[in-house]
Amino acid sequence: MPKIDLGTYGDLLFDAGIPGMDADINISSIVSYTNGVNPLDVGMAVAVNINGVIIAPDATHPPIGISMRHPVWPADTTGSWMYPPNAPVPVMEFGRVWVICVAGCNVGDAASAEANGTSSVGGTFPIPGAIWDSQAAAGGIAIMRVNRP
């Protein structure tokens, strides 16, 4: 399988996708929210507060989706691809997206997140309606199917 050279994403080589990228051209729902006070990376599980501002997932604010790679927003001069505070962020609430699975995952596993937005299996905050559609070793990239109820 061809590799994508991600010189601006930590010099990693992934099998097929880039974190925060649509996995296919099937129907999806991507909603724009305003980033909170912290820079936000792509491919991260996010929650929103009552005002529609992105915050870290917690016990009262479960993850609602995955931050998507902006189609035209380039990396900065250091190669960083973070959404700055108060920037609009596209969030996939329904569809299939490439995400790094920090602890490894198998097809059909329920997806979950940690307070820092990383995703895996059996984490602190379940992502309602989300499952892994492909397999990955710890730290590998896999497809997550997001289906916000």
N, C-alpha and C. Protein backbone atom coordinates (compact mmCIF):
# COMPACT_ATOMS: atom_id res chain seq x y z
N MET A 1 0.85 -1.17 0.00
CA MET A 1 0.00 0.00 0.00
C MET A 1 0.89 1.24 0.00
N PRO A 2 0.56 2.26 -0.80
CA PRO A 2 1.39 3.46 -0.84
C PRO A 2 1.37 4.20 0.50
N LYS A 3 2.47 4.85 0.77
CA LYS A 3 2.59 5.62 2.00
C LYS A 3 2.49 7.11 1.68
N ILE A 4 1.96 7.88 2.63
CA ILE A 4 1.90 9.32 2.50
C ILE A 4 3.00 9.89 3.36
N ASP A 5 3.89 10.68 2.79
CA ASP A 5 4.98 11.28 3.55
C ASP A 5 4.46 12.53 4.24
N LEU A 6 4.45 12.48 5.54
CA LEU A 6 3.92 13.59 6.32
C LEU A 6 5.05 14.34 7.00
N GLY A 7 5.91 14.95 6.20
CA GLY A 7 7.04 15.69 6.75
C GLY A 7 6.62 16.79 7.71
N THR A 8 5.37 17.28 7.58
CA THR A 8 4.90 18.32 8.48
C THR A 8 4.08 17.74 9.63
N TYR A 9 4.05 16.44 9.75
CA TYR A 9 3.31 15.81 10.85
C TYR A 9 4.24 14.86 11.59
N GLY A 10 5.34 15.38 12.05
CA GLY A 10 6.27 14.60 12.87
C GLY A 10 7.09 13.60 12.08
N ASP A 11 7.20 13.78 10.76
CA ASP A 11 7.97 12.88 9.90
C ASP A 11 7.50 11.43 9.99
N LEU A 12 6.21 11.23 10.18
CA LEU A 12 5.66 9.89 10.26
C LEU A 12 5.21 9.43 8.88
N LEU A 13 5.19 8.13 8.68
CA LEU A 13 4.63 7.55 7.47
C LEU A 13 3.43 6.70 7.88
N PHE A 14 2.27 7.02 7.35
CA PHE A 14 1.07 6.26 7.65
C PHE A 14 0.70 5.41 6.45
N ASP A 15 -0.03 4.32 6.68
CA ASP A 15 -0.40 3.41 5.61
C ASP A 15 -1.29 4.05 4.57
N ALA A 16 -2.28 4.79 4.99
CA ALA A 16 -3.25 5.26 4.00
C ALA A 16 -3.78 6.65 4.25
N GLY A 17 -4.04 6.99 5.48
CA GLY A 17 -4.71 8.24 5.77
C GLY A 17 -3.90 9.16 6.64
N ILE A 18 -4.43 10.35 6.80
CA ILE A 18 -3.83 11.37 7.64
C ILE A 18 -4.83 11.67 8.75
N PRO A 19 -4.38 11.81 10.00
CA PRO A 19 -5.33 12.10 11.07
C PRO A 19 -6.22 13.30 10.74
N GLY A 20 -7.52 13.12 10.97
CA GLY A 20 -8.47 14.19 10.71
C GLY A 20 -8.96 14.27 9.28
N MET A 21 -8.60 13.30 8.45
CA MET A 21 -9.00 13.29 7.04
C MET A 21 -10.20 12.36 6.84
N ASP A 22 -11.15 12.79 5.98
CA ASP A 22 -12.26 11.90 5.61
C ASP A 22 -11.70 10.58 5.13
N ALA A 23 -12.29 9.48 5.57
CA ALA A 23 -11.82 8.17 5.15
C ALA A 23 -12.37 7.77 3.79
N ASP A 24 -13.46 8.35 3.38
CA ASP A 24 -14.06 8.01 2.10
C ASP A 24 -15.01 9.12 1.67
N ILE A 25 -15.75 8.88 0.59
CA ILE A 25 -16.67 9.91 0.09
C ILE A 25 -18.12 9.57 0.39
N ASN A 26 -18.34 8.72 1.38
CA ASN A 26 -19.71 8.43 1.79
C ASN A 26 -20.32 9.64 2.49
N ILE A 27 -21.60 9.54 2.80
CA ILE A 27 -22.30 10.63 3.47
C ILE A 27 -21.67 10.87 4.84
N SER A 28 -21.48 12.15 5.16
CA SER A 28 -20.96 12.51 6.47
C SER A 28 -21.58 13.83 6.90
N SER A 29 -21.47 14.11 8.18
CA SER A 29 -21.94 15.38 8.72
C SER A 29 -20.78 16.04 9.44
N ILE A 30 -20.37 17.20 8.93
CA ILE A 30 -19.28 17.96 9.53
C ILE A 30 -19.83 19.32 9.92
N VAL A 31 -19.73 19.63 11.21
CA VAL A 31 -20.28 20.86 11.76
C VAL A 31 -19.14 21.74 12.24
N SER A 32 -19.25 23.04 12.04
CA SER A 32 -18.21 23.97 12.47
C SER A 32 -18.51 24.48 13.88
N TYR A 33 -17.50 24.39 14.74
CA TYR A 33 -17.59 24.93 16.09
C TYR A 33 -16.41 25.89 16.29
N THR A 34 -16.47 26.71 17.31
CA THR A 34 -15.38 27.63 17.63
C THR A 34 -14.44 26.95 18.61
N ASN A 35 -13.14 27.01 18.31
CA ASN A 35 -12.16 26.44 19.22
C ASN A 35 -12.14 27.25 20.52
N GLY A 36 -11.80 26.57 21.60
CA GLY A 36 -11.73 27.24 22.90
C GLY A 36 -10.42 27.99 23.05
N VAL A 37 -9.85 27.98 24.25
CA VAL A 37 -8.67 28.78 24.55
C VAL A 37 -7.35 28.07 24.26
N ASN A 38 -7.38 26.77 24.00
CA ASN A 38 -6.15 26.02 23.76
C ASN A 38 -6.02 25.65 22.28
N PRO A 39 -4.80 25.64 21.74
CA PRO A 39 -4.63 25.15 20.38
C PRO A 39 -5.14 23.71 20.28
N LEU A 40 -5.66 23.34 19.12
CA LEU A 40 -6.27 22.03 18.93
C LEU A 40 -5.69 21.36 17.70
N ASP A 41 -5.26 20.13 17.87
CA ASP A 41 -4.72 19.34 16.76
C ASP A 41 -5.87 18.70 15.98
N VAL A 42 -5.56 18.19 14.80
CA VAL A 42 -6.56 17.49 13.99
C VAL A 42 -6.65 16.03 14.42
N GLY A 43 -7.80 15.41 14.18
CA GLY A 43 -7.99 14.02 14.53
C GLY A 43 -8.19 13.78 16.00
N MET A 44 -8.63 14.79 16.73
CA MET A 44 -8.82 14.68 18.17
C MET A 44 -10.31 14.62 18.52
N ALA A 45 -10.65 13.85 19.55
CA ALA A 45 -12.02 13.83 20.05
C ALA A 45 -12.29 15.14 20.76
N VAL A 46 -13.43 15.75 20.46
CA VAL A 46 -13.76 17.04 21.08
C VAL A 46 -15.15 17.01 21.70
N ALA A 47 -15.35 17.87 22.67
CA ALA A 47 -16.65 18.11 23.28
C ALA A 47 -16.95 19.60 23.08
N VAL A 48 -18.20 19.97 23.28
CA VAL A 48 -18.56 21.39 23.19
C VAL A 48 -19.36 21.79 24.42
N ASN A 49 -19.24 23.07 24.81
CA ASN A 49 -20.03 23.56 25.93
C ASN A 49 -21.37 24.08 25.42
N ILE A 50 -22.17 24.63 26.29
CA ILE A 50 -23.51 25.09 25.94
C ILE A 50 -23.49 26.20 24.90
N ASN A 51 -22.37 26.91 24.78
CA ASN A 51 -22.24 27.99 23.80
C ASN A 51 -21.67 27.53 22.46
N GLY A 52 -21.45 26.22 22.31
CA GLY A 52 -20.90 25.70 21.06
C GLY A 52 -19.41 25.91 20.91
N VAL A 53 -18.71 26.10 22.02
CA VAL A 53 -17.26 26.29 22.01
C VAL A 53 -16.60 24.96 22.37
N ILE A 54 -15.56 24.60 21.61
CA ILE A 54 -14.87 23.33 21.84
C ILE A 54 -14.13 23.36 23.17
N ILE A 55 -14.33 22.29 23.95
CA ILE A 55 -13.64 22.10 25.22
C ILE A 55 -13.15 20.66 25.27
N ALA A 56 -12.33 20.35 26.25
CA ALA A 56 -11.85 18.98 26.43
C ALA A 56 -13.00 18.11 26.94
N PRO A 57 -13.07 16.85 26.50
CA PRO A 57 -14.10 15.95 27.04
C PRO A 57 -13.95 15.80 28.55
N ASP A 58 -15.09 15.73 29.23
CA ASP A 58 -15.08 15.46 30.67
C ASP A 58 -16.37 14.72 31.03
N ALA A 59 -16.59 14.50 32.31
CA ALA A 59 -17.74 13.70 32.76
C ALA A 59 -19.08 14.31 32.36
N THR A 60 -19.17 15.62 32.28
CA THR A 60 -20.44 16.27 31.92
C THR A 60 -20.51 16.69 30.45
N HIS A 61 -19.38 16.62 29.74
CA HIS A 61 -19.33 16.99 28.32
C HIS A 61 -18.67 15.85 27.54
N PRO A 62 -19.46 14.85 27.12
CA PRO A 62 -18.87 13.72 26.39
C PRO A 62 -18.40 14.16 25.00
N PRO A 63 -17.48 13.42 24.42
CA PRO A 63 -17.03 13.75 23.06
C PRO A 63 -18.21 13.69 22.08
N ILE A 64 -18.24 14.61 21.14
CA ILE A 64 -19.31 14.63 20.14
C ILE A 64 -18.81 14.29 18.74
N GLY A 65 -17.49 14.32 18.55
CA GLY A 65 -16.96 14.04 17.23
C GLY A 65 -15.45 14.22 17.20
N ILE A 66 -14.92 14.26 15.96
CA ILE A 66 -13.48 14.32 15.73
C ILE A 66 -13.14 15.60 14.96
N SER A 67 -12.10 16.31 15.42
CA SER A 67 -11.67 17.52 14.70
C SER A 67 -11.07 17.11 13.36
N MET A 68 -11.53 17.80 12.31
CA MET A 68 -11.15 17.45 10.95
C MET A 68 -10.03 18.35 10.43
N ARG A 69 -9.29 17.83 9.50
CA ARG A 69 -8.28 18.61 8.80
C ARG A 69 -9.00 19.60 7.90
N HIS A 70 -8.65 20.86 8.01
CA HIS A 70 -9.29 21.89 7.18
C HIS A 70 -8.82 21.72 5.74
N PRO A 71 -9.72 21.81 4.77
CA PRO A 71 -9.33 21.53 3.38
C PRO A 71 -8.36 22.52 2.76
N VAL A 72 -8.29 23.75 3.26
CA VAL A 72 -7.40 24.73 2.64
C VAL A 72 -6.47 25.43 3.63
N TRP A 73 -6.51 25.09 4.89
CA TRP A 73 -5.68 25.75 5.89
C TRP A 73 -4.30 25.08 5.92
N PRO A 74 -3.23 25.78 5.55
CA PRO A 74 -1.91 25.14 5.49
C PRO A 74 -1.24 25.08 6.87
N ALA A 75 -0.20 24.28 6.95
CA ALA A 75 0.62 24.24 8.16
C ALA A 75 1.39 25.55 8.28
N ASP A 76 1.80 25.89 9.51
CA ASP A 76 2.58 27.11 9.68
C ASP A 76 4.05 26.85 9.32
N THR A 77 4.90 27.84 9.51
CA THR A 77 6.30 27.71 9.10
C THR A 77 7.07 26.67 9.89
N THR A 78 6.57 26.26 11.06
CA THR A 78 7.23 25.22 11.84
C THR A 78 6.71 23.83 11.49
N GLY A 79 5.71 23.76 10.60
CA GLY A 79 5.12 22.47 10.25
C GLY A 79 3.96 22.09 11.14
N SER A 80 3.60 22.95 12.08
CA SER A 80 2.49 22.67 12.98
C SER A 80 1.16 22.86 12.26
N TRP A 81 0.22 22.00 12.59
CA TRP A 81 -1.10 22.08 11.99
C TRP A 81 -2.15 22.10 13.10
N MET A 82 -2.10 23.12 13.92
CA MET A 82 -3.02 23.24 15.05
C MET A 82 -4.00 24.37 14.78
N TYR A 83 -5.24 24.16 15.23
CA TYR A 83 -6.21 25.26 15.18
C TYR A 83 -5.91 26.20 16.34
N PRO A 84 -5.75 27.50 16.07
CA PRO A 84 -5.47 28.44 17.16
C PRO A 84 -6.73 28.69 17.99
N PRO A 85 -6.58 29.28 19.17
CA PRO A 85 -7.76 29.63 19.98
C PRO A 85 -8.74 30.49 19.17
N ASN A 86 -10.01 30.24 19.38
CA ASN A 86 -11.12 30.99 18.77
C ASN A 86 -11.27 30.78 17.27
N ALA A 87 -10.54 29.85 16.69
CA ALA A 87 -10.67 29.57 15.25
C ALA A 87 -11.85 28.65 15.00
N PRO A 88 -12.48 28.74 13.82
CA PRO A 88 -13.52 27.77 13.48
C PRO A 88 -12.90 26.40 13.21
N VAL A 89 -13.52 25.36 13.73
CA VAL A 89 -12.99 24.00 13.59
C VAL A 89 -14.08 23.10 13.02
N PRO A 90 -13.82 22.42 11.89
CA PRO A 90 -14.78 21.45 11.40
C PRO A 90 -14.70 20.18 12.25
N VAL A 91 -15.86 19.70 12.70
CA VAL A 91 -15.93 18.51 13.55
C VAL A 91 -16.85 17.49 12.89
N MET A 92 -16.31 16.28 12.63
CA MET A 92 -17.14 15.23 12.06
C MET A 92 -17.99 14.61 13.16
N GLU A 93 -19.32 14.69 12.98
CA GLU A 93 -20.25 14.09 13.93
C GLU A 93 -20.87 12.81 13.39
N PHE A 94 -20.79 12.61 12.09
CA PHE A 94 -21.30 11.40 11.46
C PHE A 94 -20.44 11.12 10.24
N GLY A 95 -19.89 9.92 10.16
CA GLY A 95 -19.08 9.55 9.02
C GLY A 95 -17.87 8.75 9.46
N ARG A 96 -16.93 8.59 8.52
CA ARG A 96 -15.72 7.81 8.78
C ARG A 96 -14.50 8.71 8.62
N VAL A 97 -13.62 8.66 9.62
CA VAL A 97 -12.48 9.57 9.67
C VAL A 97 -11.24 8.81 10.15
N TRP A 98 -10.09 9.21 9.63
CA TRP A 98 -8.82 8.63 10.07
C TRP A 98 -8.42 9.25 11.41
N VAL A 99 -8.05 8.39 12.38
CA VAL A 99 -7.69 8.83 13.72
C VAL A 99 -6.55 7.95 14.23
N ILE A 100 -5.64 8.53 14.99
CA ILE A 100 -4.60 7.73 15.64
C ILE A 100 -5.20 7.04 16.86
N CYS A 101 -5.03 5.72 16.93
CA CYS A 101 -5.54 4.92 18.04
C CYS A 101 -4.36 4.67 18.99
N VAL A 102 -4.32 5.39 20.09
CA VAL A 102 -3.14 5.38 20.95
C VAL A 102 -2.84 4.03 21.61
N ALA A 103 -3.86 3.23 21.87
CA ALA A 103 -3.63 1.96 22.56
C ALA A 103 -3.90 0.75 21.68
N GLY A 104 -4.15 0.96 20.39
CA GLY A 104 -4.48 -0.14 19.50
C GLY A 104 -5.97 -0.41 19.50
N CYS A 105 -6.47 -0.89 18.36
CA CYS A 105 -7.91 -1.14 18.25
C CYS A 105 -8.17 -2.23 17.21
N ASN A 106 -9.34 -2.82 17.29
CA ASN A 106 -9.79 -3.84 16.35
C ASN A 106 -11.13 -3.41 15.76
N VAL A 107 -11.45 -3.98 14.62
CA VAL A 107 -12.73 -3.69 13.96
C VAL A 107 -13.88 -4.00 14.92
N GLY A 108 -14.79 -3.04 15.07
CA GLY A 108 -15.96 -3.24 15.92
C GLY A 108 -15.79 -2.79 17.35
N ASP A 109 -14.56 -2.48 17.77
CA ASP A 109 -14.35 -1.99 19.14
C ASP A 109 -15.03 -0.64 19.32
N ALA A 110 -15.61 -0.42 20.49
CA ALA A 110 -16.19 0.88 20.82
C ALA A 110 -15.06 1.90 21.00
N ALA A 111 -15.24 3.07 20.42
CA ALA A 111 -14.21 4.12 20.51
C ALA A 111 -14.41 4.95 21.77
N SER A 112 -13.30 5.40 22.33
CA SER A 112 -13.36 6.24 23.52
C SER A 112 -12.26 7.29 23.43
N ALA A 113 -12.30 8.23 24.35
CA ALA A 113 -11.34 9.34 24.34
C ALA A 113 -10.84 9.60 25.75
N GLU A 114 -9.71 10.30 25.80
CA GLU A 114 -9.17 10.80 27.05
C GLU A 114 -9.39 12.31 27.11
N ALA A 115 -9.12 12.92 28.24
CA ALA A 115 -9.34 14.36 28.39
C ALA A 115 -8.47 15.19 27.45
N ASN A 116 -7.35 14.62 26.99
CA ASN A 116 -6.49 15.36 26.06
C ASN A 116 -6.95 15.20 24.60
N GLY A 117 -8.04 14.45 24.36
CA GLY A 117 -8.60 14.30 23.02
C GLY A 117 -8.10 13.10 22.25
N THR A 118 -7.12 12.37 22.78
CA THR A 118 -6.66 11.18 22.07
C THR A 118 -7.72 10.09 22.12
N SER A 119 -7.69 9.20 21.14
CA SER A 119 -8.72 8.16 21.02
C SER A 119 -8.12 6.78 21.13
N SER A 120 -8.92 5.85 21.66
CA SER A 120 -8.51 4.45 21.72
C SER A 120 -9.71 3.59 22.07
N VAL A 121 -9.46 2.52 22.79
CA VAL A 121 -10.49 1.59 23.24
C VAL A 121 -10.43 1.53 24.76
N GLY A 122 -11.58 1.59 25.41
CA GLY A 122 -11.60 1.48 26.86
C GLY A 122 -11.08 2.71 27.59
N GLY A 123 -11.13 3.85 26.95
CA GLY A 123 -10.66 5.09 27.57
C GLY A 123 -11.65 5.64 28.58
N THR A 124 -11.35 6.78 29.11
CA THR A 124 -12.14 7.40 30.17
C THR A 124 -13.53 7.83 29.70
N PHE A 125 -13.62 8.39 28.49
CA PHE A 125 -14.89 8.93 28.01
C PHE A 125 -15.31 8.23 26.72
N PRO A 126 -16.34 7.37 26.78
CA PRO A 126 -16.82 6.74 25.54
C PRO A 126 -17.29 7.81 24.55
N ILE A 127 -17.03 7.58 23.27
CA ILE A 127 -17.53 8.47 22.23
C ILE A 127 -18.85 7.87 21.78
N PRO A 128 -19.99 8.47 22.17
CA PRO A 128 -21.29 7.86 21.89
C PRO A 128 -21.49 7.54 20.40
N GLY A 129 -21.81 6.29 20.12
CA GLY A 129 -22.11 5.86 18.75
C GLY A 129 -20.89 5.62 17.88
N ALA A 130 -19.67 5.75 18.40
CA ALA A 130 -18.47 5.60 17.57
C ALA A 130 -17.83 4.24 17.76
N ILE A 131 -17.43 3.63 16.64
CA ILE A 131 -16.70 2.36 16.68
C ILE A 131 -15.52 2.44 15.70
N TRP A 132 -14.57 1.54 15.88
CA TRP A 132 -13.43 1.46 14.97
C TRP A 132 -13.81 0.58 13.80
N ASP A 133 -13.56 1.07 12.58
CA ASP A 133 -13.86 0.32 11.36
C ASP A 133 -12.64 -0.37 10.77
N SER A 134 -11.48 -0.16 11.36
CA SER A 134 -10.28 -0.86 10.92
C SER A 134 -9.39 -1.12 12.13
N GLN A 135 -8.37 -1.92 11.91
CA GLN A 135 -7.49 -2.34 13.00
C GLN A 135 -6.20 -1.54 12.96
N ALA A 136 -5.64 -1.29 14.13
CA ALA A 136 -4.34 -0.61 14.21
C ALA A 136 -3.62 -1.05 15.48
N ALA A 137 -2.30 -1.10 15.39
CA ALA A 137 -1.49 -1.33 16.58
C ALA A 137 -1.45 -0.03 17.38
N ALA A 138 -0.95 -0.12 18.60
CA ALA A 138 -0.85 1.08 19.43
C ALA A 138 -0.08 2.17 18.71
N GLY A 139 -0.67 3.37 18.64
CA GLY A 139 -0.04 4.49 17.97
C GLY A 139 -0.25 4.51 16.47
N GLY A 140 -0.96 3.51 15.95
CA GLY A 140 -1.22 3.45 14.52
C GLY A 140 -2.48 4.21 14.14
N ILE A 141 -2.67 4.36 12.84
CA ILE A 141 -3.85 5.09 12.36
C ILE A 141 -4.91 4.10 11.90
N ALA A 142 -6.16 4.42 12.21
CA ALA A 142 -7.28 3.55 11.85
C ALA A 142 -8.49 4.42 11.51
N ILE A 143 -9.49 3.78 10.95
CA ILE A 143 -10.72 4.48 10.60
C ILE A 143 -11.71 4.35 11.76
N MET A 144 -12.22 5.50 12.20
CA MET A 144 -13.26 5.52 13.21
C MET A 144 -14.57 5.90 12.52
N ARG A 145 -15.62 5.15 12.81
CA ARG A 145 -16.97 5.51 12.32
C ARG A 145 -17.67 6.27 13.45
N VAL A 146 -17.94 7.54 13.20
CA VAL A 146 -18.58 8.41 14.19
C VAL A 146 -20.08 8.47 13.86
N ASN A 147 -20.89 8.33 14.87
CA ASN A 147 -22.35 8.36 14.66
C ASN A 147 -22.99 9.00 15.88
N ARG A 148 -22.88 10.34 15.95
CA ARG A 148 -23.42 11.07 17.10
C ARG A 148 -24.92 10.83 17.23
N PRO A 149 -25.36 10.34 18.38
CA PRO A 149 -26.80 10.09 18.55
C PRO A 149 -27.61 11.38 18.62
